[in-house]
Protein backbone atom coordinates (compact mmCIF):
# COMPACT_ATOMS: atom_id res chain seq x y z
CA THR A 1 -24.41 -5.98 4.41
CA GLN A 2 -25.45 -5.29 0.80
CA GLY A 3 -22.04 -6.26 -0.57
CA PHE A 4 -21.68 -5.73 -4.30
CA LEU A 5 -24.79 -3.53 -4.57
CA ALA A 6 -23.28 -1.04 -2.13
CA LEU A 7 -20.81 -0.03 -4.85
CA PHE A 8 -23.63 1.27 -7.01
CA THR A 9 -25.64 2.93 -4.25
CA GLY A 10 -22.63 4.84 -2.97
CA ASP A 11 -23.04 3.30 0.49
CA THR A 12 -19.43 2.82 1.60
CA GLY A 13 -20.10 3.07 5.32
CA GLU A 14 -18.03 1.54 8.07
CA ILE A 15 -18.32 -2.16 8.88
CA ARG A 16 -20.32 -2.55 12.07
CA ALA A 17 -18.47 -3.59 15.22
CA GLU A 18 -20.62 -6.70 15.66
CA VAL A 19 -19.76 -7.91 12.14
CA ARG A 20 -16.05 -7.35 12.85
CA GLU A 21 -16.34 -9.35 16.08
CA GLN A 22 -18.10 -12.23 14.32
CA ILE A 23 -15.38 -12.36 11.67
CA ASP A 24 -12.60 -12.16 14.28
CA THR A 25 -14.23 -14.99 16.24
CA LYS A 26 -14.58 -17.21 13.16
CA VAL A 27 -10.99 -16.56 12.05
CA ALA A 28 -9.69 -17.33 15.58
CA GLU A 29 -11.72 -20.55 15.58
CA TRP A 30 -10.30 -21.60 12.20
CA ARG A 31 -6.75 -20.82 13.37
CA GLU A 32 -7.18 -23.01 16.46
CA GLU A 33 -8.56 -25.86 14.32
CA GLY A 34 -5.67 -25.52 11.88
CA LYS A 35 -8.01 -24.65 9.01
CA ALA A 36 -6.55 -21.17 8.55
CA GLU A 37 -3.25 -19.42 8.85
CA ILE A 38 -2.83 -15.66 8.90
CA VAL A 39 0.13 -14.47 6.89
CA PRO A 40 1.02 -10.77 6.95
CA GLY A 41 1.39 -9.31 3.50
CA VAL A 42 2.58 -6.21 1.73
CA LEU A 43 0.51 -3.06 1.34
CA PHE A 44 1.66 -0.85 -1.54
CA ILE A 45 0.23 2.68 -1.74
CA ASP A 46 1.13 4.72 -4.80
CA GLU A 47 0.60 8.51 -4.74
CA VAL A 48 0.64 8.40 -0.93
CA HIS A 49 0.53 12.20 -0.79
CA MET A 50 -3.14 11.94 -1.83
CA LEU A 51 -4.14 10.35 1.51
CA ASP A 52 -5.69 12.60 4.13
CA ILE A 53 -4.80 12.91 7.80
CA GLU A 54 -7.44 10.33 8.84
CA CYS A 55 -5.90 7.74 6.49
CA PHE A 56 -2.45 8.40 7.92
CA SER A 57 -3.82 8.01 11.46
CA PHE A 58 -5.33 4.66 10.47
CA LEU A 59 -2.03 3.51 8.94
CA ASN A 60 -0.13 4.50 12.08
CA ARG A 61 -2.47 2.39 14.22
CA ALA A 62 -2.43 -0.51 11.75
CA LEU A 63 1.38 -0.63 11.77
CA GLU A 64 1.34 -1.23 15.53
CA ASN A 65 -0.70 -4.42 15.10
CA GLU A 66 1.19 -7.70 15.42
CA MET A 67 -0.10 -8.74 11.98
CA ALA A 68 0.90 -5.44 10.35
CA PRO A 69 1.78 -5.66 6.67
CA ILE A 70 5.00 -4.43 5.19
CA LEU A 71 4.11 -0.93 4.04
CA VAL A 72 5.57 0.39 0.79
CA VAL A 73 4.56 3.89 -0.28
CA ALA A 74 5.48 5.90 -3.34
CA THR A 75 5.25 9.59 -4.15
CA ASN A 76 6.97 12.14 -6.33
CA ARG A 77 6.29 15.15 -4.11
CA GLY A 78 8.70 17.26 -2.12
CA ILE A 79 7.48 19.53 0.67
CA THR A 80 3.69 19.65 0.32
CA SER A 81 0.56 20.01 2.41
CA ILE A 82 -0.84 17.06 4.34
CA ARG A 83 -4.39 16.73 3.03
CA GLY A 84 -6.98 17.69 5.60
CA THR A 85 -4.57 20.01 7.46
CA ASN A 86 -2.74 23.30 7.03
CA TYR A 87 0.62 21.65 7.75
CA LYS A 88 3.35 21.09 5.19
CA SER A 89 5.59 18.07 5.37
CA PRO A 90 8.11 16.20 3.22
CA HIS A 91 6.19 14.08 0.68
CA GLY A 92 2.86 15.15 2.23
CA ILE A 93 3.30 12.48 4.92
CA PRO A 94 2.91 13.37 8.62
CA ILE A 95 6.27 13.53 10.41
CA ASP A 96 5.36 10.83 12.96
CA LEU A 97 4.72 8.33 10.14
CA LEU A 98 7.63 9.59 8.06
CA ASP A 99 9.98 8.89 10.98
CA ARG A 100 8.99 5.21 10.79
CA LEU A 101 9.77 4.87 7.09
CA LEU A 102 12.95 4.02 5.21
CA ILE A 103 13.27 6.41 2.27
CA ILE A 104 14.77 5.01 -0.91
CA THR A 105 15.38 7.49 -3.70
CA THR A 106 15.12 6.27 -7.26
CA GLN A 107 16.75 7.42 -10.49
CA PRO A 108 15.67 6.95 -14.12
CA TYR A 109 17.32 4.10 -16.01
CA THR A 110 20.41 4.98 -18.04
CA LYS A 111 20.57 4.22 -21.75
CA ASP A 112 22.82 1.19 -21.05
CA GLU A 113 20.43 -0.14 -18.39
CA ILE A 114 17.48 0.15 -20.77
CA ARG A 115 19.47 -1.72 -23.42
CA LYS A 116 20.29 -4.52 -20.94
CA ILE A 117 16.62 -4.82 -19.93
CA LEU A 118 15.59 -5.06 -23.59
CA ASP A 119 18.29 -7.68 -24.28
CA ILE A 120 17.09 -9.85 -21.39
CA ARG A 121 13.46 -9.45 -22.44
CA CYS A 122 14.28 -10.42 -26.04
CA GLN A 123 16.09 -13.51 -24.80
CA GLU A 124 13.14 -14.53 -22.64
CA GLU A 125 10.61 -13.91 -25.44
CA ASP A 126 12.85 -15.57 -28.05
CA VAL A 127 12.79 -12.45 -30.21
CA GLU A 128 15.65 -11.00 -32.23
CA MET A 129 16.35 -7.29 -32.09
CA ALA A 130 18.35 -5.33 -34.63
CA GLU A 131 21.29 -3.34 -33.27
CA GLU A 132 19.86 0.04 -34.35
């Protein structure tokens, strides 16, 4: 209710249920009138291993919603503890959430790939680069 000032007071409490209901009602009204359209988005979480078990539980529930965003997470951890528990898991992500994810491994750019990226960037910026 205090909005911006809550950042400075440290009050980061939960949004009351009645406020959520009012917002849901207004959004539903705007959708029916054609004033609003809800478009699911993308949620990117870097360093996902830093989330605790409560956050992962929330994400699991949120992904079951019909308006669930596309979830992209990134981490550089192997087998590590899930914060808030004594359990270890790949990437520090609970197994039930991990089973719902598509894991894409990444590799550092090669020297040739870096050169190609720089060449394209120089072309776009209209800058000349010496060979060395």
